[in-house]
Protein backbone atom coordinates (compact mmCIF):
# COMPACT_ATOMS: atom_id res chain seq x y z
CA MET A 1 25.52 -11.94 12.80
CA ASP A 2 24.97 -8.59 14.54
CA GLU A 3 27.99 -6.97 12.61
CA ASP A 4 26.04 -8.04 9.77
CA SER A 5 22.30 -6.23 10.47
CA SER A 6 23.84 -3.16 11.84
CA LYS A 7 25.63 -2.84 8.16
CA THR A 8 21.82 -3.51 6.86
CA ALA A 9 19.58 -0.11 6.07
CA GLN A 10 16.78 -1.01 8.53
CA LEU A 11 14.01 1.17 6.80
CA VAL A 12 10.05 2.03 6.55
CA LEU A 13 8.88 2.43 3.47
CA ALA A 14 5.52 4.83 3.65
CA LEU A 15 2.69 5.27 1.59
CA HIS A 16 0.62 8.94 1.37
CA THR A 17 -2.73 8.35 0.15
CA ALA A 18 -5.00 11.21 -0.79
CA VAL A 19 -8.45 10.96 -2.51
CA ASP A 20 -11.00 13.08 -4.28
CA TYR A 21 -13.75 12.06 -5.39
CA VAL A 22 -17.11 14.06 -7.29
CA TYR A 23 -20.07 11.59 -6.97
CA CYS A 24 -21.12 10.70 -10.43
CA GLN A 25 -18.56 12.58 -12.39
CA GLY A 26 -14.67 11.43 -11.30
CA ALA A 27 -12.00 11.10 -9.19
CA GLY A 28 -8.44 11.11 -8.28
CA VAL A 29 -5.90 8.89 -6.33
CA GLY A 30 -2.80 10.58 -5.17
CA ILE A 31 0.01 7.88 -3.67
CA VAL A 32 3.27 9.38 -2.34
CA GLN A 33 6.06 6.77 -1.49
CA ARG A 34 9.12 7.64 0.80
CA ALA A 35 11.56 5.36 2.18
CA GLU A 36 12.59 6.88 5.91
CA CYS A 37 15.35 5.28 8.07
CA ALA A 38 13.55 2.65 10.67
CA VAL A 39 15.43 4.12 13.86
CA THR A 40 15.87 8.09 12.88
CA GLY A 41 12.90 8.81 10.53
CA ILE A 42 15.52 10.66 8.29
CA ASP A 43 14.22 10.12 4.34
CA LYS A 44 16.45 7.95 2.15
CA LYS A 45 15.74 8.43 -1.05
CA GLN A 46 19.50 7.24 -2.05
CA VAL A 47 18.55 4.15 -0.96
CA ILE A 48 14.73 4.11 -2.54
CA PRO A 49 13.60 6.39 -4.48
CA ASP A 50 10.00 8.75 -3.70
CA GLN A 51 7.74 7.84 -6.16
CA GLU A 52 4.54 9.38 -6.89
CA HIS A 53 1.88 8.52 -8.93
CA LYS A 54 -1.61 9.58 -9.29
CA TYR A 55 -4.18 7.91 -10.73
CA GLY A 56 -7.59 9.31 -12.57
CA PHE A 57 -11.23 7.99 -13.06
CA SER A 58 -13.76 10.13 -15.29
CA ARG A 59 -17.22 8.80 -15.37
CA GLU A 60 -16.61 6.61 -17.25
CA LYS A 61 -14.07 5.35 -15.80
CA LEU A 62 -16.16 5.29 -12.54
CA VAL A 63 -18.46 3.10 -13.34
CA VAL A 64 -16.02 0.55 -14.90
CA GLU A 65 -13.79 0.48 -11.93
CA ASN A 66 -16.77 0.16 -9.61
CA ILE A 67 -15.69 3.33 -7.76
CA LYS A 68 -19.56 4.50 -6.78
CA THR A 69 -18.84 6.07 -2.78
CA PRO A 70 -15.68 7.70 -1.51
CA ALA A 71 -15.14 5.15 0.72
CA ARG A 72 -14.70 2.89 -2.83
CA ALA A 73 -12.27 5.20 -3.69
CA HIS A 74 -10.18 5.28 -0.71
CA MET A 75 -10.08 1.69 -1.20
CA LEU A 76 -8.82 1.69 -4.61
CA ALA A 77 -6.37 3.75 -3.53
CA LEU A 78 -5.04 1.67 -0.49
CA VAL A 79 -5.08 -1.55 -2.55
CA HIS A 80 -2.98 0.79 -5.40
CA ALA A 81 -0.74 1.99 -2.26
CA LEU A 82 -0.16 -1.62 -1.71
CA GLY A 83 0.99 -2.95 -5.07
CA LEU A 84 3.17 0.14 -4.69
CA ALA A 85 4.71 -1.04 -2.17
CA ASN A 86 4.85 -4.64 -2.77
CA GLY A 87 7.06 -3.32 -6.04
CA THR A 88 9.30 -1.54 -4.17
CA ILE A 89 10.09 -4.38 -1.82
CA LYS A 90 11.01 -6.67 -4.72
CA ARG A 91 12.68 -4.39 -6.94
CA HIS A 92 14.92 -2.77 -3.59
CA SER A 93 14.87 -5.82 -1.79
CA SER A 94 18.88 -7.04 -0.89
CA GLN A 95 20.96 -7.77 1.75
CA ALA A 96 21.95 -4.12 2.34
CA THR A 97 18.71 -2.80 2.66
CA LYS A 98 15.84 -3.88 4.32
CA VAL A 99 12.24 -3.19 4.77
CA GLN A 100 11.17 -2.88 8.25
CA LYS A 101 7.35 -1.87 8.17
CA VAL A 102 5.15 -0.77 5.17
CA ALA A 103 2.93 2.23 6.36
CA VAL A 104 0.37 3.78 4.35
CA TYR A 105 -1.62 6.77 5.66
CA SER A 106 -5.32 7.47 4.65
CA ASP A 107 -8.09 9.71 5.73
CA SER A 108 -10.36 7.09 6.47
CA PHE A 109 -9.70 4.89 9.16
CA LYS A 110 -12.21 2.54 8.50
CA ILE A 111 -11.41 1.39 5.12
CA VAL A 112 -7.53 1.24 6.79
CA GLU A 113 -9.02 -0.93 8.92
CA SER A 114 -11.11 -3.71 6.67
CA ILE A 115 -7.85 -3.73 4.62
CA ASN A 116 -5.99 -4.84 7.82
CA HIS A 117 -8.39 -7.34 8.80
CA HIS A 118 -8.03 -8.98 5.26
CA ILE A 119 -4.13 -8.52 5.15
CA LYS A 120 -4.50 -10.95 8.90
CA HIS A 121 -6.80 -13.16 7.75
CA ALA A 122 -6.21 -14.19 4.25
CA PRO A 123 -7.17 -16.17 2.20
CA THR A 124 -10.00 -17.21 4.29
CA SER A 125 -11.85 -13.15 4.76
CA LEU A 126 -10.93 -12.69 0.94
CA ALA A 127 -14.04 -14.16 0.09
CA GLU A 128 -15.95 -10.98 1.40
CA VAL A 129 -14.14 -8.52 -0.83
CA LYS A 130 -16.44 -8.19 -4.20
CA SER A 131 -13.80 -7.20 -6.72
CA THR A 132 -11.64 -9.47 -7.96
CA ASN A 133 -8.41 -7.14 -9.08
CA ASP A 134 -9.15 -5.98 -4.84
CA ARG A 135 -9.12 -9.48 -4.21
CA LEU A 136 -5.49 -10.79 -5.89
CA MET A 137 -3.96 -7.70 -4.65
CA ILE A 138 -4.97 -7.52 -0.93
CA LYS A 139 -3.98 -11.45 -1.38
CA ARG A 140 -0.59 -10.87 -2.71
CA VAL A 141 0.53 -8.28 -0.26
CA GLY A 142 -0.97 -10.25 3.03
CA MET A 143 0.64 -13.65 1.61
CA GLY A 144 3.79 -11.69 2.06
CA LYS A 145 3.70 -11.32 5.65
CA GLY A 146 5.34 -14.33 7.08
CA LYS A 147 3.57 -17.17 8.95
CA ASP A 148 5.39 -17.08 12.23
CA ASN A 149 3.89 -13.21 11.66
CA GLY A 150 0.81 -13.58 12.50
């Protein structure tokens, strides 16, 4: 059993988010995702290629996406990052590759705490999340954790 686990690439999926928000004018969200060795921290782009995603929200789109504050823009960035991580894990999961941890980096500690709370306490806490899209994404990612992971 140890022999099999030593052949499996143990990875950390690191996602860095950046948000630029201008009141009543627009918002921009950027996400950079890269895979690192869980032990050494060395970039493993040959196993899971680096990805970069950009989302722009014009004045009209701010209303549609309910982005009224910088905090909401940060929440949207984290939800998009979680969706990207979820898709990457599904696409790249195999016996040779195992993502041990997903690390999402953000400038907004309060929003990160909120997302962590909802992931830990899903599905009961999801009633507090107003956006249907956010609720679905948090539920999808939150339910991906094992029941024994708490």
